[in-house]
C-alpha atoms as a PDB file:
ATOM      1  CA  MET A   1     -66.461 -75.266  16.532  1.00  0.00           C
ATOM      2  CA  PHE A   2     -63.540 -77.952  16.381  1.00  0.00           C
ATOM      3  CA  PHE A   3     -65.929 -80.182  14.518  1.00  0.00           C
ATOM      4  CA  GLN A   4     -66.560 -77.463  11.844  1.00  0.00           C
ATOM      5  CA  TYR A   5     -63.060 -76.808  11.969  1.00  0.00           C
ATOM      6  CA  ILE A   6     -62.627 -80.320  10.732  1.00  0.00           C
ATOM      7  CA  LEU A   7     -65.075 -80.096   8.171  1.00  0.00           C
ATOM      8  CA  GLU A   8     -63.614 -76.677   6.730  1.00  0.00           C
ATOM      9  CA  VAL A   9     -60.148 -78.648   6.765  1.00  0.00           C
ATOM     10  CA  TRP A  10     -61.171 -81.610   5.078  1.00  0.00           C
ATOM     11  CA  LYS A  11     -63.338 -79.724   2.268  1.00  0.00           C
ATOM     12  CA  SER A  12     -60.377 -77.375   1.790  1.00  0.00           C
ATOM     13  CA  LEU A  13     -57.916 -80.375   1.082  1.00  0.00           C
ATOM     14  CA  THR A  14     -60.588 -82.336  -1.199  1.00  0.00           C
ATOM     15  CA  ARG A  15     -61.348 -78.891  -3.637  1.00  0.00           C
ATOM     16  CA  ARG A  16     -56.935 -78.647  -3.658  1.00  0.00           C
ATOM     17  CA  ARG A  17     -56.981 -82.052  -4.741  1.00  0.00           C
ATOM     18  CA  VAL A  18     -60.024 -82.655  -7.336  1.00  0.00           C
ATOM     19  CA  ARG A  19     -59.459 -78.750  -8.716  1.00  0.00           C
ATOM     20  CA  VAL A  20     -63.471 -78.186  -8.483  1.00  0.00           C
ATOM     21  CA  PHE A  21     -63.696 -74.333  -8.362  1.00  0.00           C
ATOM     22  CA  ILE A  22     -67.209 -73.287 -10.014  1.00  0.00           C
ATOM     23  CA  GLU A  23     -70.615 -74.913 -10.226  1.00  0.00           C
ATOM     24  CA  GLU A  24     -72.136 -75.256 -13.779  1.00  0.00           C
ATOM     25  CA  LYS A  25     -75.194 -73.407 -14.740  1.00  0.00           C
ATOM     26  CA  GLU A  26     -77.459 -73.139 -17.185  1.00  0.00           C
ATOM     27  CA  TYR A  27     -77.850 -69.797 -18.844  1.00  0.00           C
ATOM     28  CA  GLU A  28     -79.520 -67.574 -20.862  1.00  0.00           C
ATOM     29  CA  LEU A  29     -77.910 -64.261 -22.693  1.00  0.00           C
ATOM     30  CA  LEU A  30     -79.162 -61.055 -24.146  1.00  0.00           C
ATOM     31  CA  ASP A  31     -78.785 -60.272 -27.529  1.00  0.00           C
ATOM     32  CA  ALA A  32     -77.290 -56.373 -27.145  1.00  0.00           C
ATOM     33  CA  LYS A  33     -74.350 -54.405 -28.622  1.00  0.00           C
ATOM     34  CA  SER A  34     -73.776 -52.421 -26.237  1.00  0.00           C
ATOM     35  CA  GLY A  35     -74.047 -52.167 -21.743  1.00  0.00           C
ATOM     36  CA  ASN A  36     -72.460 -51.299 -18.870  1.00  0.00           C
ATOM     37  CA  PHE A  37     -70.872 -53.550 -16.004  1.00  0.00           C
ATOM     38  CA  SER A  38     -69.416 -52.537 -12.889  1.00  0.00           C
ATOM     39  CA  VAL A  39     -66.231 -54.310 -11.253  1.00  0.00           C
ATOM     40  CA  ILE A  40     -65.035 -54.102  -7.825  1.00  0.00           C
ATOM     41  CA  THR A  41     -61.638 -55.771  -6.336  1.00  0.00           C
ATOM     42  CA  TYR A  42     -61.803 -56.020  -2.441  1.00  0.00           C
ATOM     43  CA  ASN A  43     -59.151 -57.581  -0.301  1.00  0.00           C
ATOM     44  CA  ILE A  44     -61.737 -58.821   2.843  1.00  0.00           C
ATOM     45  CA  ALA A  45     -58.983 -59.434   5.703  1.00  0.00           C
ATOM     46  CA  GLY A  46     -59.851 -63.322   5.574  1.00  0.00           C
ATOM     47  CA  LEU A  47     -57.617 -64.379   7.807  1.00  0.00           C
ATOM     48  CA  PRO A  48     -58.457 -66.064  11.267  1.00  0.00           C
ATOM     49  CA  GLN A  49     -59.650 -63.162  13.948  1.00  0.00           C
ATOM     50  CA  VAL A  50     -57.022 -64.132  16.151  1.00  0.00           C
ATOM     51  CA  ILE A  51     -53.831 -62.659  13.256  1.00  0.00           C
ATOM     52  CA  SER A  52     -56.186 -60.500  11.408  1.00  0.00           C
ATOM     53  CA  SER A  53     -55.067 -56.729  11.121  1.00  0.00           C
ATOM     54  CA  ALA A  54     -58.505 -55.325  10.248  1.00  0.00           C
ATOM     55  CA  LYS A  55     -60.023 -53.896  13.351  1.00  0.00           C
ATOM     56  CA  THR A  56     -63.852 -55.177  13.172  1.00  0.00           C
ATOM     57  CA  ASP A  57     -64.989 -58.488  14.116  1.00  0.00           C
ATOM     58  CA  ARG A  58     -64.331 -60.804  10.686  1.00  0.00           C
ATOM     59  CA  SER A  59     -67.434 -62.921  10.408  1.00  0.00           C
ATOM     60  CA  SER A  60     -69.874 -59.892  11.330  1.00  0.00           C
ATOM     61  CA  SER A  61     -67.947 -57.698   8.851  1.00  0.00           C
ATOM     62  CA  ILE A  62     -67.319 -60.182   6.113  1.00  0.00           C
ATOM     63  CA  ALA A  63     -71.233 -60.810   6.355  1.00  0.00           C
ATOM     64  CA  HIS A  64     -71.772 -57.493   5.602  1.00  0.00           C
ATOM     65  CA  ILE A  65     -69.247 -57.086   2.822  1.00  0.00           C
ATOM     66  CA  GLY A  66     -71.293 -60.244   0.875  1.00  0.00           C
ATOM     67  CA  SER A  67     -74.276 -57.812   1.016  1.00  0.00           C
ATOM     68  CA  LEU A  68     -72.697 -54.946  -0.065  1.00  0.00           C
ATOM     69  CA  VAL A  69     -70.964 -56.372  -3.133  1.00  0.00           C
ATOM     70  CA  ASN A  70     -74.355 -56.982  -4.489  1.00  0.00           C
ATOM     71  CA  ASP A  71     -74.407 -53.530  -5.844  1.00  0.00           C
ATOM     72  CA  PHE A  72     -71.744 -54.264  -8.380  1.00  0.00           C
ATOM     73  CA  ASP A  73     -71.956 -57.007 -11.129  1.00  0.00           C
ATOM     74  CA  VAL A  74     -68.593 -58.424 -10.753  1.00  0.00           C
ATOM     75  CA  ALA A  75     -66.319 -58.822  -7.366  1.00  0.00           C
ATOM     76  CA  HIS A  76     -63.153 -59.839  -6.892  1.00  0.00           C
ATOM     77  CA  ILE A  77     -61.919 -60.915  -3.544  1.00  0.00           C
ATOM     78  CA  GLN A  78     -59.150 -61.608  -2.205  1.00  0.00           C
ATOM     79  CA  GLU A  79     -57.973 -63.175   1.143  1.00  0.00           C
ATOM     80  CA  ASP A  80     -61.153 -65.098   1.084  1.00  0.00           C
ATOM     81  CA  PHE A  81     -59.885 -67.692   3.804  1.00  0.00           C
ATOM     82  CA  ASN A  82     -61.817 -68.715   6.733  1.00  0.00           C
ATOM     83  CA  TYR A  83     -65.202 -66.918   6.589  1.00  0.00           C
ATOM     84  CA  ASN A  84     -66.496 -67.396   3.151  1.00  0.00           C
ATOM     85  CA  TYR A  85     -69.615 -69.150   4.544  1.00  0.00           C
ATOM     86  CA  TYR A  86     -70.454 -65.683   6.030  1.00  0.00           C
ATOM     87  CA  LEU A  87     -69.537 -63.951   2.359  1.00  0.00           C
ATOM     88  CA  TYR A  88     -71.831 -66.164   0.324  1.00  0.00           C
ATOM     89  CA  GLN A  89     -74.698 -67.081   2.976  1.00  0.00           C
ATOM     90  CA  SER A  90     -75.743 -63.948   4.490  1.00  0.00           C
ATOM     91  CA  GLY A  91     -77.677 -62.155   1.793  1.00  0.00           C
ATOM     92  CA  ASN A  92     -75.336 -62.262  -1.094  1.00  0.00           C
ATOM     93  CA  LEU A  93     -76.961 -62.715  -4.468  1.00  0.00           C
ATOM     94  CA  HIS A  94     -74.670 -63.159  -7.362  1.00  0.00           C
ATOM     95  CA  PRO A  95     -75.589 -65.887  -9.253  1.00  0.00           C
ATOM     96  CA  TYR A  96     -72.206 -67.294 -10.226  1.00  0.00           C
ATOM     97  CA  ARG A  97     -69.572 -67.713  -7.585  1.00  0.00           C
ATOM     98  CA  THR A  98     -66.310 -69.300  -7.698  1.00  0.00           C
ATOM     99  CA  ILE A  99     -66.035 -72.296  -5.054  1.00  0.00           C
ATOM    100  CA  SER A 100     -63.673 -71.137  -2.421  1.00  0.00           C
ATOM    101  CA  MET A 101     -60.523 -73.219  -1.785  1.00  0.00           C
ATOM    102  CA  GLY A 102     -61.268 -73.010   1.965  1.00  0.00           C
ATOM    103  CA  LEU A 103     -58.918 -72.032   4.922  1.00  0.00           C
ATOM    104  CA  ALA A 104     -55.632 -69.860   5.045  1.00  0.00           C
ATOM    105  CA  ILE A 105     -52.742 -72.551   4.054  1.00  0.00           C
ATOM    106  CA  PHE A 106     -54.804 -74.800   1.804  1.00  0.00           C
ATOM    107  CA  GLY A 107     -56.428 -71.712  -0.165  1.00  0.00           C
ATOM    108  CA  ASP A 108     -55.213 -68.884  -2.128  1.00  0.00           C
ATOM    109  CA  GLY A 109     -58.349 -66.533  -0.787  1.00  0.00           C
ATOM    110  CA  LEU A 110     -59.221 -65.579  -4.371  1.00  0.00           C
ATOM    111  CA  ASP A 111     -62.859 -65.783  -5.283  1.00  0.00           C
ATOM    112  CA  SER A 112     -65.292 -64.102  -7.900  1.00  0.00           C
ATOM    113  CA  LEU A 113     -68.608 -63.550  -7.907  1.00  0.00           C
ATOM    114  CA  SER A 114     -70.604 -62.218 -10.849  1.00  0.00           C
ATOM    115  CA  LYS A 115     -73.734 -61.495 -12.353  1.00  0.00           C
ATOM    116  CA  TYR A 116     -72.718 -62.966 -15.570  1.00  0.00           C
ATOM    117  CA  PRO A 117     -72.007 -66.275 -16.117  1.00  0.00           C
ATOM    118  CA  ILE A 118     -68.654 -67.750 -15.719  1.00  0.00           C
ATOM    119  CA  THR A 119     -66.772 -70.251 -17.769  1.00  0.00           C
ATOM    120  CA  ASN A 120     -62.848 -71.699 -18.367  1.00  0.00           C
ATOM    121  CA  PHE A 121     -62.030 -70.950 -15.013  1.00  0.00           C
ATOM    122  CA  LYS A 122     -58.783 -71.647 -13.489  1.00  0.00           C
ATOM    123  CA  ARG A 123     -56.838 -70.731 -10.677  1.00  0.00           C
ATOM    124  CA  VAL A 124     -52.466 -70.435 -10.998  1.00  0.00           C
ATOM    125  CA  GLU A 125     -49.938 -70.233  -8.178  1.00  0.00           C
ATOM    126  CA  TRP A 126     -46.981 -67.845  -8.516  1.00  0.00           C
ATOM    127  CA  GLN A 127     -44.045 -69.666  -9.041  1.00  0.00           C
ATOM    128  CA  ASN A 128     -42.166 -66.770  -7.024  1.00  0.00           C
ATOM    129  CA  ARG A 129     -43.190 -66.215  -3.033  1.00  0.00           C
ATOM    130  CA  THR A 130     -41.230 -65.038   0.005  1.00  0.00           C
ATOM    131  CA  GLY A 131     -41.757 -65.129   3.545  1.00  0.00           C
ATOM    132  CA  SER A 132     -45.604 -65.590   4.761  1.00  0.00           C
ATOM    133  CA  ASP A 133     -46.583 -65.459   1.191  1.00  0.00           C
ATOM    134  CA  ARG A 134     -45.151 -68.930   0.892  1.00  0.00           C
ATOM    135  CA  LEU A 135     -47.970 -70.640   3.428  1.00  0.00           C
ATOM    136  CA  THR A 136     -50.506 -70.353   0.857  1.00  0.00           C
ATOM    137  CA  PRO A 137     -51.112 -71.372  -2.786  1.00  0.00           C
ATOM    138  CA  LYS A 138     -50.836 -67.349  -3.588  1.00  0.00           C
ATOM    139  CA  GLY A 139     -51.342 -66.525  -7.293  1.00  0.00           C
ATOM    140  CA  PHE A 140     -54.218 -65.332  -9.530  1.00  0.00           C
ATOM    141  CA  SER A 141     -57.199 -66.748 -11.222  1.00  0.00           C
ATOM    142  CA  HIS A 142     -58.372 -66.439 -14.867  1.00  0.00           C
ATOM    143  CA  CYS A 143     -62.048 -67.226 -16.369  1.00  0.00           C
ATOM    144  CA  THR A 144     -64.211 -65.913 -18.785  1.00  0.00           C
ATOM    145  CA  MET A 145     -67.439 -63.968 -18.304  1.00  0.00           C
ATOM    146  CA  HIS A 146     -70.372 -63.613 -20.569  1.00  0.00           C
ATOM    147  CA  LEU A 147     -71.837 -60.028 -20.624  1.00  0.00           C
ATOM    148  CA  ALA A 148     -74.185 -60.620 -23.701  1.00  0.00           C
ATOM    149  CA  LEU A 149     -74.740 -63.043 -26.809  1.00  0.00           C
ATOM    150  CA  GLY A 150     -71.436 -63.314 -28.499  1.00  0.00           C
ATOM    151  CA  VAL A 151     -69.585 -61.087 -25.906  1.00  0.00           C
ATOM    152  CA  ALA A 152     -67.053 -62.631 -24.149  1.00  0.00           C
ATOM    153  CA  VAL A 153     -64.461 -60.819 -21.670  1.00  0.00           C
ATOM    154  CA  ASP A 154     -61.650 -62.453 -19.926  1.00  0.00           C
ATOM    155  CA  PHE A 155     -60.700 -61.342 -16.140  1.00  0.00           C
ATOM    156  CA  CYS A 156     -58.036 -62.196 -13.817  1.00  0.00           C
ATOM    157  CA  ASN A 157     -58.284 -61.901  -9.937  1.00  0.00           C
ATOM    158  CA  ILE A 158     -54.601 -61.701  -8.475  1.00  0.00           C
ATOM    159  CA  HIS A 159     -52.977 -61.211  -5.221  1.00  0.00           C
ATOM    160  CA  ALA A 160     -49.603 -60.124  -5.642  1.00  0.00           C
ATOM    161  CA  ASN A 161     -46.291 -60.817  -3.188  1.00  0.00           C
ATOM    162  CA  SER A 162     -46.210 -58.739  -0.454  1.00  0.00           C
ATOM    163  CA  GLN A 163     -43.768 -56.209   1.176  1.00  0.00           C
ATOM    164  CA  ASP A 164     -41.216 -54.138  -0.336  1.00  0.00           C
ATOM    165  CA  HIS A 165     -38.001 -55.543   1.011  1.00  0.00           C
ATOM    166  CA  PRO A 166     -35.201 -56.406  -2.118  1.00  0.00           C
ATOM    167  CA  ARG A 167     -36.345 -59.860  -2.049  1.00  0.00           C
ATOM    168  CA  ALA A 168     -39.995 -59.790  -1.937  1.00  0.00           C
ATOM    169  CA  ALA A 169     -40.180 -56.933  -4.946  1.00  0.00           C
ATOM    170  CA  LYS A 170     -37.606 -59.408  -6.875  1.00  0.00           C
ATOM    171  CA  ALA A 171     -40.523 -62.125  -6.406  1.00  0.00           C
ATOM    172  CA  ARG A 172     -43.242 -59.765  -7.202  1.00  0.00           C
ATOM    173  CA  ARG A 173     -41.691 -58.312 -10.426  1.00  0.00           C
ATOM    174  CA  ALA A 174     -41.602 -62.048 -11.558  1.00  0.00           C
ATOM    175  CA  ASN A 175     -45.288 -62.104 -10.599  1.00  0.00           C
ATOM    176  CA  TYR A 176     -46.283 -60.119 -13.226  1.00  0.00           C
ATOM    177  CA  LEU A 177     -43.953 -61.175 -15.508  1.00  0.00           C
ATOM    178  CA  GLN A 178     -45.434 -64.905 -15.194  1.00  0.00           C
ATOM    179  CA  LEU A 179     -49.206 -63.341 -15.354  1.00  0.00           C
ATOM    180  CA  ALA A 180     -48.035 -61.245 -18.754  1.00  0.00           C
ATOM    181  CA  ASN A 181     -46.935 -64.706 -20.057  1.00  0.00           C
ATOM    182  CA  TYR A 182     -49.962 -66.218 -18.971  1.00  0.00           C
ATOM    183  CA  ILE A 183     -52.168 -63.392 -20.426  1.00  0.00           C
ATOM    184  CA  ASN A 184     -50.333 -63.409 -23.620  1.00  0.00           C
ATOM    185  CA  LYS A 185     -50.884 -67.449 -24.106  1.00  0.00           C
ATOM    186  CA  HIS A 186     -54.426 -67.635 -22.872  1.00  0.00           C
ATOM    187  CA  SER A 187     -56.120 -64.461 -23.622  1.00  0.00           C
ATOM    188  CA  VAL A 188     -54.323 -63.754 -26.980  1.00  0.00           C
ATOM    189  CA  GLY A 189     -56.416 -61.203 -28.761  1.00  0.00           C
ATOM    190  CA  LYS A 190     -59.414 -61.005 -26.142  1.00  0.00           C
ATOM    191  CA  ALA A 191     -60.458 -58.167 -24.133  1.00  0.00           C
ATOM    192  CA  ILE A 192     -59.618 -58.675 -20.381  1.00  0.00           C
ATOM    193  CA  VAL A 193     -60.172 -56.731 -17.038  1.00  0.00           C
ATOM    194  CA  VAL A 194     -57.115 -57.722 -14.379  1.00  0.00           C
ATOM    195  CA  ALA A 195     -58.145 -56.460 -11.245  1.00  0.00           C
ATOM    196  CA  GLY A 196     -56.771 -57.588  -7.598  1.00  0.00           C
ATOM    197  CA  ASP A 197     -54.452 -56.646  -4.641  1.00  0.00           C
ATOM    198  CA  PHE A 198     -51.506 -55.495  -6.806  1.00  0.00           C
ATOM    199  CA  ASN A 199     -49.515 -55.067  -3.720  1.00  0.00           C
ATOM    200  CA  SER A 200     -47.610 -52.433  -6.058  1.00  0.00           C
ATOM    201  CA  HIS A 201     -46.647 -48.904  -6.527  1.00  0.00           C
ATOM    202  CA  PHE A 202     -46.095 -47.220 -10.134  1.00  0.00           C
ATOM    203  CA  ALA A 203     -43.566 -44.812  -8.493  1.00  0.00           C
ATOM    204  CA  PHE A 204     -41.880 -47.594  -6.681  1.00  0.00           C
ATOM    205  CA  SER A 205     -38.639 -48.103  -8.330  1.00  0.00           C
ATOM    206  CA  GLU A 206     -38.350 -51.715  -7.467  1.00  0.00           C
ATOM    207  CA  ASP A 207     -42.074 -52.433  -8.894  1.00  0.00           C
ATOM    208  CA  ASN A 208     -42.396 -53.157 -12.684  1.00  0.00           C
ATOM    209  CA  LEU A 209     -45.856 -52.411 -13.410  1.00  0.00           C
ATOM    210  CA  GLU A 210     -45.554 -50.204 -16.414  1.00  0.00           C
ATOM    211  CA  GLU A 211     -43.301 -53.076 -18.174  1.00  0.00           C
ATOM    212  CA  PHE A 212     -46.414 -55.480 -17.506  1.00  0.00           C
ATOM    213  CA  MET A 213     -48.665 -52.829 -18.992  1.00  0.00           C
ATOM    214  CA  VAL A 214     -46.385 -52.492 -21.933  1.00  0.00           C
ATOM    215  CA  LYS A 215     -46.055 -56.507 -22.342  1.00  0.00           C
ATOM    216  CA  THR A 216     -49.957 -57.012 -22.260  1.00  0.00           C
ATOM    217  CA  HIS A 217     -51.031 -53.877 -23.613  1.00  0.00           C
ATOM    218  CA  LEU A 218     -53.383 -53.190 -20.363  1.00  0.00           C
ATOM    219  CA  GLN A 219     -54.523 -49.490 -19.271  1.00  0.00           C
ATOM    220  CA  ASP A 220     -54.934 -48.831 -16.105  1.00  0.00           C
ATOM    221  CA  SER A 221     -58.873 -47.156 -14.900  1.00  0.00           C
ATOM    222  CA  TRP A 222     -56.923 -44.803 -12.076  1.00  0.00           C
ATOM    223  CA  ILE A 223     -54.247 -43.607 -14.359  1.00  0.00           C
ATOM    224  CA  MET A 224     -56.937 -42.755 -17.169  1.00  0.00           C
ATOM    225  CA  LEU A 225     -59.511 -40.996 -15.040  1.00  0.00           C
ATOM    226  CA  GLU A 226     -58.255 -39.509 -12.097  1.00  0.00           C
ATOM    227  CA  ARG A 227     -54.698 -38.503 -13.570  1.00  0.00           C
ATOM    228  CA  ASP A 228     -55.680 -37.591 -17.679  1.00  0.00           C
ATOM    229  CA  ASP A 229     -53.196 -40.620 -19.026  1.00  0.00           C
ATOM    230  CA  VAL A 230     -50.337 -39.561 -16.921  1.00  0.00           C
ATOM    231  CA  MET A 231     -48.168 -42.276 -15.577  1.00  0.00           C
ATOM    232  CA  PRO A 232     -46.871 -41.386 -12.373  1.00  0.00           C
ATOM    233  CA  THR A 233     -43.252 -41.069 -12.425  1.00  0.00           C
ATOM    234  CA  ILE A 234     -40.530 -43.151 -10.193  1.00  0.00           C
ATOM    235  CA  ASP A 235     -39.424 -41.914  -7.116  1.00  0.00           C
ATOM    236  CA  PRO A 236     -36.382 -42.677  -5.836  1.00  0.00           C
ATOM    237  CA  LEU A 237     -37.593 -41.867  -2.287  1.00  0.00           C
ATOM    238  CA  PHE A 238     -40.933 -43.249  -2.694  1.00  0.00           C
ATOM    239  CA  LEU A 239     -42.539 -43.963   0.670  1.00  0.00           C
ATOM    240  CA  CYS A 240     -46.047 -45.765   0.720  1.00  0.00           C
ATOM    241  CA  MET A 241     -48.701 -43.950   2.527  1.00  0.00           C
ATOM    242  CA  ASP A 242     -51.224 -45.669   5.037  1.00  0.00           C
ATOM    243  CA  ILE A 243     -53.369 -47.735   3.144  1.00  0.00           C
ATOM    244  CA  MET A 244     -56.411 -46.795   4.903  1.00  0.00           C
ATOM    245  CA  ASP A 245     -55.611 -42.724   3.901  1.00  0.00           C
ATOM    246  CA  ILE A 246     -55.843 -43.481   0.150  1.00  0.00           C
ATOM    247  CA  ASP A 247     -58.908 -41.742  -1.598  1.00  0.00           C
ATOM    248  CA  ASN A 248     -59.493 -41.133  -5.528  1.00  0.00           C
ATOM    249  CA  GLU A 249     -56.439 -38.723  -6.075  1.00  0.00           C
ATOM    250  CA  SER A 250     -53.909 -40.952  -4.654  1.00  0.00           C
ATOM    251  CA  GLU A 251     -52.718 -44.526  -6.045  1.00  0.00           C
ATOM    252  CA  SER A 252     -54.023 -47.725  -4.217  1.00  0.00           C
ATOM    253  CA  ILE A 253     -52.265 -51.120  -4.105  1.00  0.00           C
ATOM    254  CA  ASP A 254     -55.766 -51.797  -5.485  1.00  0.00           C
ATOM    255  CA  LYS A 255     -56.069 -52.105  -9.125  1.00  0.00           C
ATOM    256  CA  ILE A 256     -58.064 -52.481 -11.904  1.00  0.00           C
ATOM    257  CA  MET A 257     -56.573 -52.715 -15.282  1.00  0.00           C
ATOM    258  CA  PHE A 258     -58.309 -52.815 -18.735  1.00  0.00           C
ATOM    259  CA  ARG A 259     -57.748 -53.885 -22.571  1.00  0.00           C
ATOM    260  CA  SER A 260     -60.688 -53.777 -25.297  1.00  0.00           C
ATOM    261  CA  ASN A 261     -59.999 -55.626 -28.477  1.00  0.00           C
ATOM    262  CA  GLU A 262     -60.884 -55.758 -32.220  1.00  0.00           C
ATOM    263  CA  GLN A 263     -64.536 -56.922 -31.273  1.00  0.00           C
ATOM    264  CA  ILE A 264     -65.317 -55.064 -27.938  1.00  0.00           C
ATOM    265  CA  THR A 265     -63.908 -51.677 -26.593  1.00  0.00           C
ATOM    266  CA  LEU A 266     -64.260 -51.424 -23.181  1.00  0.00           C
ATOM    267  CA  MET A 267     -64.612 -47.843 -21.651  1.00  0.00           C
ATOM    268  CA  PRO A 268     -63.903 -47.053 -17.924  1.00  0.00           C
ATOM    269  CA  LYS A 269     -66.582 -43.903 -16.788  1.00  0.00           C
ATOM    270  CA  LYS A 270     -66.169 -43.877 -12.902  1.00  0.00           C
ATOM    271  CA  TYR A 271     -63.394 -44.755 -10.571  1.00  0.00           C
ATOM    272  CA  GLU A 272     -64.190 -44.997  -6.720  1.00  0.00           C
ATOM    273  CA  VAL A 273     -62.454 -45.905  -3.538  1.00  0.00           C
ATOM    274  CA  GLU A 274     -65.230 -47.106  -1.549  1.00  0.00           C
ATOM    275  CA  ARG A 275     -64.794 -45.173   1.824  1.00  0.00           C
ATOM    276  CA  GLU A 276     -68.467 -44.885   2.488  1.00  0.00           C
ATOM    277  CA  LYS A 277     -70.341 -47.801   1.558  1.00  0.00           C
ATOM    278  CA  PHE A 278     -67.897 -50.276   3.356  1.00  0.00           C
ATOM    279  CA  VAL A 279     -68.494 -49.300   7.093  1.00  0.00           C
ATOM    280  CA  ASP A 280     -69.912 -50.718   9.944  1.00  0.00           C
ATOM    281  CA  LYS A 281     -72.969 -48.786  12.443  1.00  0.00           C
ATOM    282  CA  LEU A 282     -69.942 -47.055  14.052  1.00  0.00           C
ATOM    283  CA  GLY A 283     -68.244 -46.036  10.920  1.00  0.00           C
ATOM    284  CA  GLU A 284     -65.195 -48.455  11.018  1.00  0.00           C
ATOM    285  CA  PRO A 285     -63.856 -50.059   7.637  1.00  0.00           C
ATOM    286  CA  LEU A 286     -64.908 -54.051   7.293  1.00  0.00           C
ATOM    287  CA  SER A 287     -61.461 -54.816   6.435  1.00  0.00           C
ATOM    288  CA  ASP A 288     -57.459 -53.469   6.372  1.00  0.00           C
ATOM    289  CA  HIS A 289     -58.146 -52.601   2.595  1.00  0.00           C
ATOM    290  CA  TRP A 290     -60.724 -49.860   1.373  1.00  0.00           C
ATOM    291  CA  PRO A 291     -62.182 -51.492  -1.909  1.00  0.00           C
ATOM    292  CA  VAL A 292     -61.955 -50.161  -5.172  1.00  0.00           C
ATOM    293  CA  SER A 293     -64.669 -50.100  -7.922  1.00  0.00           C
ATOM    294  CA  VAL A 294     -64.897 -49.142 -11.643  1.00  0.00           C
ATOM    295  CA  VAL A 295     -67.785 -48.968 -14.256  1.00  0.00           C
ATOM    296  CA  PHE A 296     -67.224 -49.761 -17.521  1.00  0.00           C
ATOM    297  CA  ASP A 297     -69.163 -48.792 -20.724  1.00  0.00           C
ATOM    298  CA  TRP A 298     -69.000 -51.515 -23.230  1.00  0.00           C
ATOM    299  CA  MET A 299     -69.700 -51.967 -26.917  1.00  0.00           C
ATOM    300  CA  ILE A 300     -69.819 -54.358 -30.001  1.00  0.00           C
ATOM    301  CA  ASN A 301     -67.103 -52.556 -32.712  1.00  0.00           C
ATOM    302  CA  GLU A 302     -68.966 -52.084 -36.584  1.00  0.00           C
END
């Protein structure tokens, strides 16, 4: 075990230095004008077992997660630190997977698994972080996925600054301004899906999600499908509910946002907090978050 750990440390250092994140593969694309795809975002609590807040064994739980996300076309994963081998090598079948940066401290914990080819993959660190978030190169990833011949959609996988005290919330607001500027520079005029652990609530006065959406012209799938496009109002007495008590009607900090463009229309059709699927044999959650999924229809605009 000791030598395996040393090997993983070396891999982490090497990956961070040379910035190699994705295996290049040859691929052929279907010629289609419409279709659908599913996206799941999941914080898998991949910190070492001794400090993880998840209740179940991390190696076996993350191995189980790796096989369960096969049911989704695109999986955005956060906190993929110390157990990436189990996530990828225990039955996962996605042909396109980003190469993990590795262990906690060295890695950002962000990985994406896809049934669609991934190109132009890049990781970006937040310029503002607080507390324990400073211990990793935490941030977001940005890439392009190819749904069909000539049909390309950009994707971002994010993990925003955590905690709600004033300094942490200020850093998180800066995260979203940084992300908005990046999207407005690198995804100009493109359809995009932004998913991940936002660590934010629309009703919390210290968060700036609505401003972020205005700057990027993004829409939130939960607001559209579960709230009939009604944005939650700011609550000066806002209290965050337990993350494991959420359901489709309550807001999750794990979100999936999207934007169409002149060429491609994206339309979310189903939103789900995946409470039933991602549990062990005893019914215990496999992580300290529930994953959130959305099924999108897409079509080429004539």
